[in-house]
Amino acid sequence: MVDFVLLVQVGDWSQDGSWEQVARVDCAGGRCHIHPPESPDEHKLIHRLDTVDDVEIAYRAANSIAMTVAAMIRDRRS
């Protein structure tokens, strides 16, 4: 079994230099899913992990989602 976690975090350099998690993608129970920032206890399915190939597919989809979230945050701050 292969698991992975992708986190999108933002640093608060004006305060204490802490990091805030704004998105989390992880695997559990044979599923890759994202925990939305507005509801971290909930999750939205990205892809089922039934085969080794599914892990690659899920990782690519998860990475794309994480990069999109990061770009939205970057663009909002500039």
C-alpha atoms as a PDB file:
ATOM      1  CA  MET A   1       0.000   0.000   0.000  1.00  0.00           C
ATOM      2  CA  VAL A   2       1.232   3.471  -0.865  1.00  0.00           C
ATOM      3  CA  ASP A   3       0.007   6.607   0.855  1.00  0.00           C
ATOM      4  CA  PHE A   4       0.859  10.239   0.317  1.00  0.00           C
ATOM      5  CA  VAL A   5      -0.064  13.614   1.767  1.00  0.00           C
ATOM      6  CA  LEU A   6       0.138  17.002   0.069  1.00  0.00           C
ATOM      7  CA  LEU A   7      -0.221  20.135   2.171  1.00  0.00           C
ATOM      8  CA  VAL A   8      -0.681  23.709   1.035  1.00  0.00           C
ATOM      9  CA  GLN A   9       0.394  26.102   3.765  1.00  0.00           C
ATOM     10  CA  VAL A  10       0.846  29.861   3.967  1.00  0.00           C
ATOM     11  CA  GLY A  11       3.340  31.614   6.185  1.00  0.00           C
ATOM     12  CA  ASP A  12       2.352  34.515   8.388  1.00  0.00           C
ATOM     13  CA  TRP A  13       5.573  36.503   8.298  1.00  0.00           C
ATOM     14  CA  SER A  14       4.009  39.624   9.821  1.00  0.00           C
ATOM     15  CA  GLN A  15       3.230  37.869  13.104  1.00  0.00           C
ATOM     16  CA  ASP A  16       5.225  35.011  14.582  1.00  0.00           C
ATOM     17  CA  GLY A  17       6.346  33.273  11.395  1.00  0.00           C
ATOM     18  CA  SER A  18       3.840  30.464  11.878  1.00  0.00           C
ATOM     19  CA  TRP A  19       2.317  28.412   9.071  1.00  0.00           C
ATOM     20  CA  GLU A  20      -1.387  27.972   8.401  1.00  0.00           C
ATOM     21  CA  GLN A  21      -2.647  24.907   6.536  1.00  0.00           C
ATOM     22  CA  VAL A  22      -5.097  25.895   3.810  1.00  0.00           C
ATOM     23  CA  ALA A  23      -5.532  22.566   2.013  1.00  0.00           C
ATOM     24  CA  ARG A  24      -4.715  18.922   2.706  1.00  0.00           C
ATOM     25  CA  VAL A  25      -4.854  16.026   0.267  1.00  0.00           C
ATOM     26  CA  ASP A  26      -4.299  12.554   1.683  1.00  0.00           C
ATOM     27  CA  CYS A  27      -5.079   8.863   1.301  1.00  0.00           C
ATOM     28  CA  ALA A  28      -7.146   6.714   3.642  1.00  0.00           C
ATOM     29  CA  GLY A  29      -9.276   3.638   3.178  1.00  0.00           C
ATOM     30  CA  GLY A  30      -8.219   3.157  -0.432  1.00  0.00           C
ATOM     31  CA  ARG A  31      -9.238   6.649  -1.466  1.00  0.00           C
ATOM     32  CA  CYS A  32      -7.387   9.861  -2.244  1.00  0.00           C
ATOM     33  CA  HIS A  33      -9.332  12.884  -1.064  1.00  0.00           C
ATOM     34  CA  ILE A  34      -9.038  16.566  -0.228  1.00  0.00           C
ATOM     35  CA  HIS A  35     -10.055  18.181   3.032  1.00  0.00           C
ATOM     36  CA  PRO A  36     -11.548  21.561   2.072  1.00  0.00           C
ATOM     37  CA  PRO A  37     -10.168  24.518   4.056  1.00  0.00           C
ATOM     38  CA  GLU A  38     -13.661  25.574   5.094  1.00  0.00           C
ATOM     39  CA  SER A  39     -14.506  22.056   6.408  1.00  0.00           C
ATOM     40  CA  PRO A  40     -11.270  20.246   7.402  1.00  0.00           C
ATOM     41  CA  ASP A  41     -13.189  17.357   8.995  1.00  0.00           C
ATOM     42  CA  GLU A  42     -14.954  16.592   5.705  1.00  0.00           C
ATOM     43  CA  HIS A  43     -13.387  15.250   2.533  1.00  0.00           C
ATOM     44  CA  LYS A  44     -14.061  15.204  -1.198  1.00  0.00           C
ATOM     45  CA  LEU A  45     -13.045  12.149  -3.231  1.00  0.00           C
ATOM     46  CA  ILE A  46     -10.351  12.707  -5.849  1.00  0.00           C
ATOM     47  CA  HIS A  47      -9.701   9.108  -6.928  1.00  0.00           C
ATOM     48  CA  ARG A  48     -10.095   5.537  -5.674  1.00  0.00           C
ATOM     49  CA  LEU A  49      -6.871   3.602  -5.069  1.00  0.00           C
ATOM     50  CA  ASP A  50      -7.592   0.095  -6.328  1.00  0.00           C
ATOM     51  CA  THR A  51      -4.320  -0.514  -8.204  1.00  0.00           C
ATOM     52  CA  VAL A  52      -0.747   0.770  -8.206  1.00  0.00           C
ATOM     53  CA  ASP A  53      -1.555   2.777 -11.347  1.00  0.00           C
ATOM     54  CA  ASP A  54      -4.371   4.493  -9.447  1.00  0.00           C
ATOM     55  CA  VAL A  55      -1.803   5.958  -7.041  1.00  0.00           C
ATOM     56  CA  GLU A  56      -0.024   7.708  -9.924  1.00  0.00           C
ATOM     57  CA  ILE A  57      -3.319   9.002 -11.308  1.00  0.00           C
ATOM     58  CA  ALA A  58      -4.433  10.206  -7.878  1.00  0.00           C
ATOM     59  CA  TYR A  59      -1.083  11.869  -7.156  1.00  0.00           C
ATOM     60  CA  ARG A  60      -1.151  13.787 -10.432  1.00  0.00           C
ATOM     61  CA  ALA A  61      -4.721  14.948  -9.790  1.00  0.00           C
ATOM     62  CA  ALA A  62      -3.916  15.861  -6.179  1.00  0.00           C
ATOM     63  CA  ASN A  63      -0.796  17.770  -7.203  1.00  0.00           C
ATOM     64  CA  SER A  64      -2.790  19.714  -9.791  1.00  0.00           C
ATOM     65  CA  ILE A  65      -5.382  20.651  -7.160  1.00  0.00           C
ATOM     66  CA  ALA A  66      -2.680  21.685  -4.663  1.00  0.00           C
ATOM     67  CA  MET A  67      -0.915  23.833  -7.272  1.00  0.00           C
ATOM     68  CA  THR A  68      -4.212  25.501  -8.229  1.00  0.00           C
ATOM     69  CA  VAL A  69      -4.954  26.338  -4.582  1.00  0.00           C
ATOM     70  CA  ALA A  70      -1.414  27.679  -4.106  1.00  0.00           C
ATOM     71  CA  ALA A  71      -1.681  29.844  -7.242  1.00  0.00           C
ATOM     72  CA  MET A  72      -5.020  31.272  -6.097  1.00  0.00           C
ATOM     73  CA  ILE A  73      -3.478  32.232  -2.753  1.00  0.00           C
ATOM     74  CA  ARG A  74      -0.404  33.729  -4.434  1.00  0.00           C
ATOM     75  CA  ASP A  75      -2.521  35.770  -6.841  1.00  0.00           C
ATOM     76  CA  ARG A  76      -4.721  37.060  -4.028  1.00  0.00           C
ATOM     77  CA  ARG A  77      -1.666  38.267  -2.098  1.00  0.00           C
ATOM     78  CA  SER A  78      -0.026  40.122  -4.985  1.00  0.00           C
END
